[in-house]
Amino acid sequence: KAIDLDNQWHLSLLEQCPNSILVDLIRN
């Protein structure tokens, strides 16, 4: 649960990034 929430925190931090390809790469 901690790992999942950590990943969620990082993606939420970056959700306003206008480069969706960059965010998808981080998610991968």
PDB file of all heavy atoms in Angstrom:
ATOM      1  N   LYS A   1       0.834  -1.197   0.000  1.00  0.00           N
ATOM      2  CA  LYS A   1       0.000   0.000   0.000  1.00  0.00           C
ATOM      3  C   LYS A   1       0.870   1.250   0.000  1.00  0.00           C
ATOM      4  O   LYS A   1       0.569   2.224  -0.712  1.00  0.00           O
ATOM      5  CB  LYS A   1      -0.915  -0.008   1.223  1.00  0.00           C
ATOM      6  CG  LYS A   1      -1.925   1.143   1.250  1.00  0.00           C
ATOM      7  CD  LYS A   1      -2.907   1.033   0.105  1.00  0.00           C
ATOM      8  CE  LYS A   1      -3.998   2.086   0.196  1.00  0.00           C
ATOM      9  NZ  LYS A   1      -4.936   2.013  -0.949  1.00  0.00           N
ATOM     10  N   ALA A   2       1.936   1.248   0.783  1.00  0.00           N
ATOM     11  CA  ALA A   2       2.840   2.401   0.821  1.00  0.00           C
ATOM     12  C   ALA A   2       3.470   2.645  -0.543  1.00  0.00           C
ATOM     13  O   ALA A   2       3.576   3.797  -0.992  1.00  0.00           O
ATOM     14  CB  ALA A   2       3.919   2.182   1.876  1.00  0.00           C
ATOM     15  N   ILE A   3       3.876   1.578  -1.215  1.00  0.00           N
ATOM     16  CA  ILE A   3       4.496   1.723  -2.540  1.00  0.00           C
ATOM     17  C   ILE A   3       3.491   2.277  -3.539  1.00  0.00           C
ATOM     18  O   ILE A   3       3.801   3.187  -4.319  1.00  0.00           O
ATOM     19  CB  ILE A   3       5.047   0.364  -3.013  1.00  0.00           C
ATOM     20  CG1 ILE A   3       6.247  -0.042  -2.152  1.00  0.00           C
ATOM     21  CG2 ILE A   3       5.453   0.426  -4.489  1.00  0.00           C
ATOM     22  CD1 ILE A   3       6.672  -1.475  -2.336  1.00  0.00           C
ATOM     23  N   ASP A   4       2.269   1.752  -3.513  1.00  0.00           N
ATOM     24  CA  ASP A   4       1.244   2.232  -4.436  1.00  0.00           C
ATOM     25  C   ASP A   4       0.940   3.711  -4.193  1.00  0.00           C
ATOM     26  O   ASP A   4       0.774   4.490  -5.139  1.00  0.00           O
ATOM     27  CB  ASP A   4      -0.028   1.400  -4.293  1.00  0.00           C
ATOM     28  CG  ASP A   4       0.127  -0.002  -4.840  1.00  0.00           C
ATOM     29  OD1 ASP A   4       1.098  -0.246  -5.596  1.00  0.00           O
ATOM     30  OD2 ASP A   4      -0.695  -0.868  -4.514  1.00  0.00           O
ATOM     31  N   LEU A   5       0.857   4.108  -2.925  1.00  0.00           N
ATOM     32  CA  LEU A   5       0.575   5.504  -2.603  1.00  0.00           C
ATOM     33  C   LEU A   5       1.749   6.412  -2.941  1.00  0.00           C
ATOM     34  O   LEU A   5       1.563   7.560  -3.346  1.00  0.00           O
ATOM     35  CB  LEU A   5       0.215   5.636  -1.119  1.00  0.00           C
ATOM     36  CG  LEU A   5      -1.157   5.081  -0.727  1.00  0.00           C
ATOM     37  CD1 LEU A   5      -1.305   5.033   0.793  1.00  0.00           C
ATOM     38  CD2 LEU A   5      -2.283   5.918  -1.340  1.00  0.00           C
ATOM     39  N   ASP A   6       2.965   5.888  -2.805  1.00  0.00           N
ATOM     40  CA  ASP A   6       4.145   6.662  -3.190  1.00  0.00           C
ATOM     41  C   ASP A   6       4.114   6.946  -4.693  1.00  0.00           C
ATOM     42  O   ASP A   6       4.355   8.078  -5.135  1.00  0.00           O
ATOM     43  CB  ASP A   6       5.409   5.899  -2.811  1.00  0.00           C
ATOM     44  CG  ASP A   6       6.679   6.650  -3.199  1.00  0.00           C
ATOM     45  OD1 ASP A   6       6.860   7.783  -2.716  1.00  0.00           O
ATOM     46  OD2 ASP A   6       7.476   6.117  -3.981  1.00  0.00           O
ATOM     47  N   ASN A   7       3.818   5.927  -5.478  1.00  0.00           N
ATOM     48  CA  ASN A   7       3.712   6.127  -6.928  1.00  0.00           C
ATOM     49  C   ASN A   7       2.593   7.101  -7.270  1.00  0.00           C
ATOM     50  O   ASN A   7       2.739   7.963  -8.148  1.00  0.00           O
ATOM     51  CB  ASN A   7       3.477   4.789  -7.631  1.00  0.00           C
ATOM     52  CG  ASN A   7       4.729   3.934  -7.686  1.00  0.00           C
ATOM     53  OD1 ASN A   7       5.837   4.448  -7.635  1.00  0.00           O
ATOM     54  ND2 ASN A   7       4.551   2.631  -7.776  1.00  0.00           N
ATOM     55  N   GLN A   8       1.469   6.975  -6.560  1.00  0.00           N
ATOM     56  CA  GLN A   8       0.349   7.884  -6.783  1.00  0.00           C
ATOM     57  C   GLN A   8       0.741   9.322  -6.445  1.00  0.00           C
ATOM     58  O   GLN A   8       0.371  10.264  -7.152  1.00  0.00           O
ATOM     59  CB  GLN A   8      -0.851   7.446  -5.932  1.00  0.00           C
ATOM     60  CG  GLN A   8      -2.118   8.238  -6.195  1.00  0.00           C
ATOM     61  CD  GLN A   8      -3.276   7.767  -5.338  1.00  0.00           C
ATOM     62  OE1 GLN A   8      -3.287   6.655  -4.814  1.00  0.00           O
ATOM     63  NE2 GLN A   8      -4.272   8.618  -5.166  1.00  0.00           N
ATOM     64  N   TRP A   9       1.508   9.498  -5.372  1.00  0.00           N
ATOM     65  CA  TRP A   9       1.956  10.838  -4.970  1.00  0.00           C
ATOM     66  C   TRP A   9       2.808  11.469  -6.075  1.00  0.00           C
ATOM     67  O   TRP A   9       2.620  12.621  -6.438  1.00  0.00           O
ATOM     68  CB  TRP A   9       2.744  10.750  -3.669  1.00  0.00           C
ATOM     69  CG  TRP A   9       3.114  12.080  -3.088  1.00  0.00           C
ATOM     70  CD1 TRP A   9       2.399  12.821  -2.200  1.00  0.00           C
ATOM     71  CD2 TRP A   9       4.311  12.839  -3.363  1.00  0.00           C
ATOM     72  NE1 TRP A   9       3.057  13.992  -1.909  1.00  0.00           N
ATOM     73  CE2 TRP A   9       4.229  14.023  -2.605  1.00  0.00           C
ATOM     74  CE3 TRP A   9       5.425  12.620  -4.171  1.00  0.00           C
ATOM     75  CZ2 TRP A   9       5.238  15.008  -2.633  1.00  0.00           C
ATOM     76  CZ3 TRP A   9       6.425  13.593  -4.213  1.00  0.00           C
ATOM     77  CH2 TRP A   9       6.327  14.760  -3.452  1.00  0.00           C
ATOM     78  N   HIS A  10       3.750  10.688  -6.594  1.00  0.00           N
ATOM     79  CA  HIS A  10       4.636  11.225  -7.626  1.00  0.00           C
ATOM     80  C   HIS A  10       3.872  11.585  -8.895  1.00  0.00           C
ATOM     81  O   HIS A  10       4.124  12.634  -9.513  1.00  0.00           O
ATOM     82  CB  HIS A  10       5.752  10.234  -7.930  1.00  0.00           C
ATOM     83  CG  HIS A  10       6.852  10.243  -6.919  1.00  0.00           C
ATOM     84  ND1 HIS A  10       7.920  11.113  -6.971  1.00  0.00           N
ATOM     85  CD2 HIS A  10       7.036   9.499  -5.796  1.00  0.00           C
ATOM     86  CE1 HIS A  10       8.710  10.907  -5.937  1.00  0.00           C
ATOM     87  NE2 HIS A  10       8.204   9.927  -5.211  1.00  0.00           N
ATOM     88  N   LEU A  11       2.928  10.741  -9.300  1.00  0.00           N
ATOM     89  CA  LEU A  11       2.146  11.055 -10.496  1.00  0.00           C
ATOM     90  C   LEU A  11       1.239  12.256 -10.264  1.00  0.00           C
ATOM     91  O   LEU A  11       1.041  13.071 -11.171  1.00  0.00           O
ATOM     92  CB  LEU A  11       1.329   9.832 -10.918  1.00  0.00           C
ATOM     93  CG  LEU A  11       2.138   8.663 -11.497  1.00  0.00           C
ATOM     94  CD1 LEU A  11       1.241   7.456 -11.731  1.00  0.00           C
ATOM     95  CD2 LEU A  11       2.837   9.072 -12.795  1.00  0.00           C
ATOM     96  N   SER A  12       0.694  12.389  -9.054  1.00  0.00           N
ATOM     97  CA  SER A  12      -0.144  13.543  -8.734  1.00  0.00           C
ATOM     98  C   SER A  12       0.683  14.824  -8.733  1.00  0.00           C
ATOM     99  O   SER A  12       0.211  15.886  -9.160  1.00  0.00           O
ATOM    100  CB  SER A  12      -0.813  13.355  -7.368  1.00  0.00           C
ATOM    101  OG  SER A  12      -1.697  12.254  -7.384  1.00  0.00           O
ATOM    102  N   LEU A  13       1.914  14.730  -8.260  1.00  0.00           N
ATOM    103  CA  LEU A  13       2.810  15.879  -8.265  1.00  0.00           C
ATOM    104  C   LEU A  13       3.050  16.390  -9.684  1.00  0.00           C
ATOM    105  O   LEU A  13       3.197  17.600  -9.908  1.00  0.00           O
ATOM    106  CB  LEU A  13       4.144  15.491  -7.613  1.00  0.00           C
ATOM    107  CG  LEU A  13       5.240  16.568  -7.547  1.00  0.00           C
ATOM    108  CD1 LEU A  13       4.833  17.686  -6.581  1.00  0.00           C
ATOM    109  CD2 LEU A  13       6.569  15.943  -7.116  1.00  0.00           C
ATOM    110  N   LEU A  14       3.059  15.473 -10.642  1.00  0.00           N
ATOM    111  CA  LEU A  14       3.407  15.814 -12.018  1.00  0.00           C
ATOM    112  C   LEU A  14       2.198  15.944 -12.940  1.00  0.00           C
ATOM    113  O   LEU A  14       2.360  16.124 -14.148  1.00  0.00           O
ATOM    114  CB  LEU A  14       4.351  14.745 -12.591  1.00  0.00           C
ATOM    115  CG  LEU A  14       5.604  14.433 -11.761  1.00  0.00           C
ATOM    116  CD1 LEU A  14       6.384  13.293 -12.408  1.00  0.00           C
ATOM    117  CD2 LEU A  14       6.472  15.667 -11.600  1.00  0.00           C
ATOM    118  N   GLU A  15       0.993  15.897 -12.385  1.00  0.00           N
ATOM    119  CA  GLU A  15      -0.192  15.803 -13.238  1.00  0.00           C
ATOM    120  C   GLU A  15      -0.425  17.046 -14.098  1.00  0.00           C
ATOM    121  O   GLU A  15      -1.120  16.974 -15.118  1.00  0.00           O
ATOM    122  CB  GLU A  15      -1.435  15.501 -12.399  1.00  0.00           C
ATOM    123  CG  GLU A  15      -1.847  16.600 -11.452  1.00  0.00           C
ATOM    124  CD  GLU A  15      -3.060  16.203 -10.621  1.00  0.00           C
ATOM    125  OE1 GLU A  15      -3.551  15.064 -10.809  1.00  0.00           O
ATOM    126  OE2 GLU A  15      -3.508  17.017  -9.799  1.00  0.00           O
ATOM    127  N   GLN A  16       0.155  18.185 -13.719  1.00  0.00           N
ATOM    128  CA  GLN A  16      -0.008  19.393 -14.522  1.00  0.00           C
ATOM    129  C   GLN A  16       1.059  19.531 -15.602  1.00  0.00           C
ATOM    130  O   GLN A  16       1.079  20.526 -16.336  1.00  0.00           O
ATOM    131  CB  GLN A  16       0.016  20.623 -13.610  1.00  0.00           C
ATOM    132  CG  GLN A  16      -1.125  20.686 -12.605  1.00  0.00           C
ATOM    133  CD  GLN A  16      -2.489  20.668 -13.275  1.00  0.00           C
ATOM    134  OE1 GLN A  16      -2.703  21.379 -14.252  1.00  0.00           O
ATOM    135  NE2 GLN A  16      -3.399  19.851 -12.769  1.00  0.00           N
ATOM    136  N   CYS A  17       1.935  18.538 -15.709  1.00  0.00           N
ATOM    137  CA  CYS A  17       2.973  18.591 -16.750  1.00  0.00           C
ATOM    138  C   CYS A  17       2.304  18.551 -18.123  1.00  0.00           C
ATOM    139  O   CYS A  17       1.510  17.647 -18.399  1.00  0.00           O
ATOM    140  CB  CYS A  17       3.937  17.418 -16.598  1.00  0.00           C
ATOM    141  SG  CYS A  17       5.180  17.333 -17.921  1.00  0.00           S
ATOM    142  N   PRO A  18       2.599  19.505 -18.998  1.00  0.00           N
ATOM    143  CA  PRO A  18       1.936  19.543 -20.303  1.00  0.00           C
ATOM    144  C   PRO A  18       2.439  18.485 -21.288  1.00  0.00           C
ATOM    145  O   PRO A  18       1.824  18.286 -22.335  1.00  0.00           O
ATOM    146  CB  PRO A  18       2.257  20.955 -20.812  1.00  0.00           C
ATOM    147  CG  PRO A  18       3.569  21.297 -20.158  1.00  0.00           C
ATOM    148  CD  PRO A  18       3.516  20.649 -18.807  1.00  0.00           C
ATOM    149  N   ASN A  19       3.539  17.817 -20.955  1.00  0.00           N
ATOM    150  CA  ASN A  19       4.106  16.805 -21.856  1.00  0.00           C
ATOM    151  C   ASN A  19       3.619  15.426 -21.422  1.00  0.00           C
ATOM    152  O   ASN A  19       4.199  14.792 -20.543  1.00  0.00           O
ATOM    153  CB  ASN A  19       5.634  16.873 -21.833  1.00  0.00           C
ATOM    154  CG  ASN A  19       6.274  16.026 -22.927  1.00  0.00           C
ATOM    155  OD1 ASN A  19       5.778  14.962 -23.270  1.00  0.00           O
ATOM    156  ND2 ASN A  19       7.378  16.512 -23.476  1.00  0.00           N
ATOM    157  N   SER A  20       2.547  14.969 -22.050  1.00  0.00           N
ATOM    158  CA  SER A  20       1.942  13.694 -21.646  1.00  0.00           C
ATOM    159  C   SER A  20       2.855  12.513 -21.960  1.00  0.00           C
ATOM    160  O   SER A  20       2.816  11.492 -21.259  1.00  0.00           O
ATOM    161  CB  SER A  20       0.588  13.507 -22.333  1.00  0.00           C
ATOM    162  OG  SER A  20       0.729  13.508 -23.749  1.00  0.00           O
ATOM    163  N   ILE A  21       3.671  12.616 -22.994  1.00  0.00           N
ATOM    164  CA  ILE A  21       4.589  11.525 -23.325  1.00  0.00           C
ATOM    165  C   ILE A  21       5.627  11.359 -22.220  1.00  0.00           C
ATOM    166  O   ILE A  21       5.978  10.235 -21.840  1.00  0.00           O
ATOM    167  CB  ILE A  21       5.273  11.790 -24.680  1.00  0.00           C
ATOM    168  CG1 ILE A  21       4.227  11.760 -25.804  1.00  0.00           C
ATOM    169  CG2 ILE A  21       6.369  10.763 -24.956  1.00  0.00           C
ATOM    170  CD1 ILE A  21       4.775  12.108 -27.169  1.00  0.00           C
ATOM    171  N   LEU A  22       6.114  12.458 -21.679  1.00  0.00           N
ATOM    172  CA  LEU A  22       7.069  12.405 -20.582  1.00  0.00           C
ATOM    173  C   LEU A  22       6.453  11.733 -19.368  1.00  0.00           C
ATOM    174  O   LEU A  22       7.077  10.864 -18.736  1.00  0.00           O
ATOM    175  CB  LEU A  22       7.538  13.816 -20.237  1.00  0.00           C
ATOM    176  CG  LEU A  22       8.458  13.972 -19.013  1.00  0.00           C
ATOM    177  CD1 LEU A  22       9.697  13.107 -19.146  1.00  0.00           C
ATOM    178  CD2 LEU A  22       8.827  15.437 -18.823  1.00  0.00           C
ATOM    179  N   VAL A  23       5.224  12.091 -19.028  1.00  0.00           N
ATOM    180  CA  VAL A  23       4.558  11.494 -17.869  1.00  0.00           C
ATOM    181  C   VAL A  23       4.286  10.012 -18.111  1.00  0.00           C
ATOM    182  O   VAL A  23       4.445   9.183 -17.205  1.00  0.00           O
ATOM    183  CB  VAL A  23       3.250  12.242 -17.545  1.00  0.00           C
ATOM    184  CG1 VAL A  23       2.502  11.561 -16.401  1.00  0.00           C
ATOM    185  CG2 VAL A  23       3.547  13.694 -17.173  1.00  0.00           C
ATOM    186  N   ASP A  24       3.897   9.649 -19.324  1.00  0.00           N
ATOM    187  CA  ASP A  24       3.677   8.232 -19.642  1.00  0.00           C
ATOM    188  C   ASP A  24       4.970   7.428 -19.506  1.00  0.00           C
ATOM    189  O   ASP A  24       4.950   6.277 -19.057  1.00  0.00           O
ATOM    190  CB  ASP A  24       3.128   8.080 -21.063  1.00  0.00           C
ATOM    191  CG  ASP A  24       1.657   8.457 -21.165  1.00  0.00           C
ATOM    192  OD1 ASP A  24       0.998   8.554 -20.112  1.00  0.00           O
ATOM    193  OD2 ASP A  24       1.176   8.669 -22.298  1.00  0.00           O
ATOM    194  N   LEU A  25       6.080   8.033 -19.893  1.00  0.00           N
ATOM    195  CA  LEU A  25       7.371   7.364 -19.758  1.00  0.00           C
ATOM    196  C   LEU A  25       7.703   7.136 -18.287  1.00  0.00           C
ATOM    197  O   LEU A  25       8.162   6.041 -17.905  1.00  0.00           O
ATOM    198  CB  LEU A  25       8.461   8.187 -20.429  1.00  0.00           C
ATOM    199  CG  LEU A  25       9.890   7.617 -20.398  1.00  0.00           C
ATOM    200  CD1 LEU A  25       9.925   6.224 -21.007  1.00  0.00           C
ATOM    201  CD2 LEU A  25      10.849   8.543 -21.132  1.00  0.00           C
ATOM    202  N   ILE A  26       7.450   8.124 -17.456  1.00  0.00           N
ATOM    203  CA  ILE A  26       7.678   7.973 -16.012  1.00  0.00           C
ATOM    204  C   ILE A  26       6.780   6.885 -15.448  1.00  0.00           C
ATOM    205  O   ILE A  26       7.215   6.048 -14.651  1.00  0.00           O
ATOM    206  CB  ILE A  26       7.434   9.317 -15.307  1.00  0.00           C
ATOM    207  CG1 ILE A  26       8.522  10.323 -15.688  1.00  0.00           C
ATOM    208  CG2 ILE A  26       7.390   9.133 -13.784  1.00  0.00           C
ATOM    209  CD1 ILE A  26       8.247  11.737 -15.243  1.00  0.00           C
ATOM    210  N   ARG A  27       5.526   6.861 -15.884  1.00  0.00           N
ATOM    211  CA  ARG A  27       4.587   5.841 -15.405  1.00  0.00           C
ATOM    212  C   ARG A  27       5.073   4.438 -15.795  1.00  0.00           C
ATOM    213  O   ARG A  27       4.994   3.499 -15.005  1.00  0.00           O
ATOM    214  CB  ARG A  27       3.196   6.116 -15.973  1.00  0.00           C
ATOM    215  CG  ARG A  27       2.115   5.179 -15.428  1.00  0.00           C
ATOM    216  CD  ARG A  27       0.764   5.488 -16.020  1.00  0.00           C
ATOM    217  NE  ARG A  27       0.227   6.745 -15.508  1.00  0.00           N
ATOM    218  CZ  ARG A  27       0.121   7.869 -16.226  1.00  0.00           C
ATOM    219  NH1 ARG A  27       0.537   7.899 -17.491  1.00  0.00           N
ATOM    220  NH2 ARG A  27      -0.399   8.956 -15.695  1.00  0.00           N
ATOM    221  N   ASN A  28       5.580   4.300 -17.012  1.00  0.00           N
ATOM    222  CA  ASN A  28       6.098   3.010 -17.472  1.00  0.00           C
ATOM    223  C   ASN A  28       7.300   2.576 -16.640  1.00  0.00           C
ATOM    224  O   ASN A  28       7.419   1.396 -16.269  1.00  0.00           O
ATOM    225  CB  ASN A  28       6.475   3.105 -18.952  1.00  0.00           C
ATOM    226  CG  ASN A  28       7.086   1.829 -19.486  1.00  0.00           C
ATOM    227  OD1 ASN A  28       8.302   1.660 -19.486  1.00  0.00           O
ATOM    228  ND2 ASN A  28       6.249   0.907 -19.936  1.00  0.00           N
TER     229      ASN A  28
END
